[in-house]
Structures are given as structure tokens and as C-alpha cells.
């Protein structure tokens, strides 16, 4: 009996998916659990797996095509089974009122009315000389005169992405590094329209539900990072080749400990109630090729700086390769966004609902300050906290920032 293959909800917020690559073609034998296709969701590139044994038939969605969650994208039939129109089978059932259910780490949704499946012609064999690359990387390579065959890809399946082009050698015809090509290719058109990726669509929707509806207010303080810098240097010498602790790791740890003291800031706004968390899960903003994602360091208040450093590095790498699992980027109780590495002194970050706050971290710079009546150079850093006024009052946010500042200025306070 034929089984429909649905576009599953591969992330908790996914509403549609784009088929990035079919691993199985029309007529291929498949087994339950095998990867049928790679799907670009709003957060990552995930695997769409077979739910039955049989032969893949009636592939209805081409590579690069986007369809809503619940759409039938193919059929798995028994060998030799004759198929007419797609069977009007319902998608996996869901608990009443939930709209979705969890199957391991994969969420599935109730399908809409059955979708008629029109078979697409089998895809021709892939050109063996074609290099896998993101659209942005292809455009950058074309503008800069870089041969993609000479670039090692670090993306999923060896895919060439923007950061690979940033490191790639540039041919003599391109006078600037790839990431700084000053002019687009002259085609005669006044502009170019580029379709939104799934992650940019989600960012647009999330911002529309954040900065407008959420009453933000902002608090800024300046922190003396001299002792934190000395502690970091000492820790990294002791760690040796076992890893490194960054300033961002120290900020995450201090933020988590301060939240444990100020539970009122470790909260979610939930329409008719406020959820105050007893656990501290820090969302860490990471820039990816076409957007931003916040992998989560769970129970950050209970982890050592070394553990936070290793986990942060691993999560950031998975985020850039679009390989995060839903449980790795959901459930944060508070977030940290750091643009200090880009020489940004100060900025305000947008709250990620339902969280009630986020810290924006600026660069560490040498400043002349008065200390014990003497002018001296000290390493200073600005922190700006964005607060949801429905949850956090001014004095509450200020008290939290004061505790965070004290911990960063005296790292030994984290041991108390």
C-alpha cells in the first residue's frame, strides 16, 4: 500500500520548507529511516526521512521549490504497485489543540486537505563537474572571478558558502578581497530581486512580533574588564591545548549567575501569565550566512567556563553549517548578543520572544579613566540590556545589570 511523503515540520516554528536536494530519485528503492531529501527550514538544513519501505514514486517537488508544511512531496509505493492519483491519506495525527506532535526530535503536523500529486520528470544525472555552492557564494565568486572548483567547501556535504569565499584566493582581475567587492556586475538592470530564504522569512516574522508589540526599554552600563582579562589570560595558559576561554564565554557565565540571583529577569511573557524559570538557559546569538540564529547553552549557571567555551564553539560551528537540531536552538530563557569583535562600542538588541530580556555586548577598548585619583588606561566594555517592560521594571533591570557588572569586574565573585 502506498504511503504519502509529507513536508514535515522539521523545526518547531517551521511553516514551509524548501527542498535543497533529493538524495533519492523517482524509482529508487528506500527503507524506513533513510534520508530522502535535504530540506531548508527556517533555522537549518534538516533531513526528510522515509517513513516506510518501498520505492520512491511521484516526486512532486523539484529541488529549490518551497511548499507548505503538510504538503505531499512524493509517494513510497510497494515494488510493482500501480499508482493513479496520490492516495488521500491523512498526515500523522496530532493531539487535539496542539497542531503538532513530537516524534523523537521531529515535529509533524496534521496535513491539510490532500494535495494532488503530479509526477515530475526524473531529474537528469547531476553534472559531476558542478560545484555545490550557496546562491550567495556563486554570486560572490562570479563577481570576484574565483573558480569555485578551487574552493574547499565547509558547508553541508562540502557546499561552498560565503565564509569559504572570504578565505579564498582572488584572481588578479579582482583588486579587492571577495567580501569587499565594491560594485555589482553591470547587467543593465537597475536592481536585483533575490527571494527570501527560509531563515530570513522567519527573522522578518519574529521581528514583527518583537520590536513593535513588545514595549522595549534599554539600560546601558560600562564595565571595567581589566580583572576579567587577567583571569582569562591565566585560564587559557592553564588550559593549554584543551581549548580557550573567550570574553564572550565569561559574559555568558556571569549573565547566567546574575540571572540566578535576579529571577525576575529570567522569565517569559505568556499573554495571561509570566513564567519565571528556575533553570538558566542562555541563547547565544550567532551570525550565519543569511541571518541570525541563537543556539542555547543549557544550565549555563551550572557549567564551568571551560565547558561553556567548548559548547559555545561547537554550537556556533553547527549553526554556521545549518546543522543545529531543534532542541539546540529552542528554549532559551535569556539571550546574549555580542558584536564586540566587529569594533561596535554599543548597540541595542531586539528581544527574542517569549524571553523578557537580552544583553548587547560591545567591544573591549582601552580608555583613560581616573582610578584612585590617577589617570590610567583600563580595558572597558559597554553592556546594554533590552527589557520587556511587561515583565521587567527599570529598577529590576538596573539591579540585574549591577550584579552582572560586579561579577565581570571581580571574577572571583562568580565563585560565591
Foldseek 3Di string as FASTA:
>chain_A
DKDFQWQFQQFPPFFKKAFQFAPAWQFDWFAFPDFGTWIFTLFFTDTRTDHHTAGKHLQAHDHGDMDTGQAGRTMGDHVPDDDDKDDFDWDDDDPPPPQWDDDPLTIGGTHDGHDTGDGDPIDDDDDPPDAAEDPVVVQLCVLQVHDVVPFACPAPPRYNYDVSQQPDDTDPVHPDRSVCRPDGDPPPDPDDDDDDGNNRVVVVVQLVVFPPPFDKDKDKDKFFQFVVVVVQVVVCVVCPVVFGFDVVLVLLQLLQLLCCVQQLQLWFDDPVDIGRDNWAKEFEWADERRGIATFIDTSSPPDDSSVSRVVVVVLNSCSNNRNDRNVGGDDHSEYEYEPQVVQAQDDDDIDRHRHFKYKYKHHWDWDFDADPNDTDTTTMIMIMMMGRCVRDDPVSVVVSVVSSSVCSNPVVVSVD
